[in-house]
């Protein structure tokens, strides 16, 4: 899920300042490595969260099927 930067109160000028500071700190040779590492981290987080969502959906589906196929236990009514 993409979260726009303006949610955190960051606009284009602020993002450009942050990127400039990162460029000064790490230098232009390290930026591709940092970007690649960040991208792979985000990709792994998405995979794991989608896997967890799928597990939850499967568990809910199994639970719903189990409750649908469970025999109805009617309470006996006393006869007078």
Protein backbone atom coordinates (compact mmCIF):
# COMPACT_ATOMS: atom_id res chain seq x y z
CA UNK A 1 0.00 0.00 0.00
CA UNK A 2 1.47 3.34 -1.04
CA UNK A 3 1.32 6.11 1.53
CA UNK A 4 1.62 9.58 0.03
CA UNK A 5 4.26 11.79 1.64
CA UNK A 6 1.79 14.59 2.34
CA UNK A 7 0.15 12.44 5.01
CA UNK A 8 3.26 12.95 7.12
CA UNK A 9 3.32 16.68 6.39
CA UNK A 10 6.12 16.36 3.83
CA UNK A 11 5.85 18.18 0.55
CA UNK A 12 8.14 18.25 -2.47
CA UNK A 13 10.58 20.81 -0.99
CA UNK A 14 11.02 18.77 2.18
CA UNK A 15 11.58 15.56 0.24
CA UNK A 16 14.20 17.28 -1.94
CA UNK A 17 16.05 18.50 1.16
CA UNK A 18 15.97 14.99 2.66
CA UNK A 19 17.27 13.48 -0.59
CA UNK A 20 20.05 16.10 -0.78
CA UNK A 21 21.14 15.32 2.78
CA UNK A 22 21.15 11.59 2.01
CA UNK A 23 23.22 12.25 -1.11
CA UNK A 24 25.74 14.29 0.91
CA UNK A 25 25.99 11.67 3.67
CA UNK A 26 26.27 8.53 1.55
CA UNK A 27 27.61 9.87 -1.72
CA UNK A 28 26.52 9.04 -5.26
CA UNK A 29 28.30 5.66 -5.35
CA UNK A 30 26.37 4.20 -2.39
CA UNK A 31 22.89 5.41 -3.40
CA UNK A 32 22.18 2.56 -5.88
CA UNK A 33 23.15 0.00 -3.23
CA UNK A 34 20.96 1.68 -0.63
CA UNK A 35 18.05 1.88 -3.08
CA UNK A 36 18.41 -1.77 -4.00
CA UNK A 37 18.51 -2.83 -0.34
CA UNK A 38 15.50 -0.67 0.47
CA UNK A 39 13.58 -2.07 -2.49
CA UNK A 40 14.28 -5.66 -1.54
CA UNK A 41 13.26 -4.96 2.05
CA UNK A 42 9.95 -3.46 0.94
CA UNK A 43 9.38 -6.39 -1.42
CA UNK A 44 9.97 -8.92 1.37
CA UNK A 45 7.64 -7.05 3.72
CA UNK A 46 4.90 -7.09 1.08
CA UNK A 47 5.38 -10.81 0.48
CA UNK A 48 5.20 -11.62 4.16
CA UNK A 49 2.15 -9.43 4.78
CA UNK A 50 0.34 -10.91 1.77
CA UNK A 51 1.22 -14.38 3.04
CA UNK A 52 -0.21 -13.59 6.45
CA UNK A 53 -3.38 -12.15 4.91
CA UNK A 54 -3.79 -15.29 2.82
CA UNK A 55 -3.34 -17.48 5.91
CA UNK A 56 -5.98 -15.47 7.79
CA UNK A 57 -8.42 -15.72 4.88
CA UNK A 58 -7.84 -19.46 4.59
CA UNK A 59 -8.38 -19.92 8.33
CA UNK A 60 -11.58 -17.87 8.21
CA UNK A 61 -12.79 -19.87 5.20
CA UNK A 62 -12.10 -23.19 6.93
CA UNK A 63 -13.82 -21.96 10.08
CA UNK A 64 -16.87 -20.80 8.10
CA UNK A 65 -17.08 -24.11 6.26
CA UNK A 66 -16.78 -26.01 9.53
CA UNK A 67 -19.62 -24.04 11.09
CA UNK A 68 -21.78 -24.54 7.97
CA UNK A 69 -21.29 -28.30 7.92
CA UNK A 70 -21.59 -28.81 11.69
CA UNK A 71 -24.68 -30.76 12.63
CA UNK A 72 -27.45 -28.71 14.14
CA UNK A 73 -27.90 -29.53 17.77
CA UNK A 74 -31.45 -28.74 18.64
CA UNK A 75 -32.34 -28.44 22.22
CA UNK A 76 -34.98 -30.92 23.20
CA UNK A 77 -38.29 -29.41 24.15
CA UNK A 78 -40.03 -30.90 27.13
CA UNK A 79 -43.33 -32.54 26.34
CA UNK A 80 -46.08 -32.38 28.89
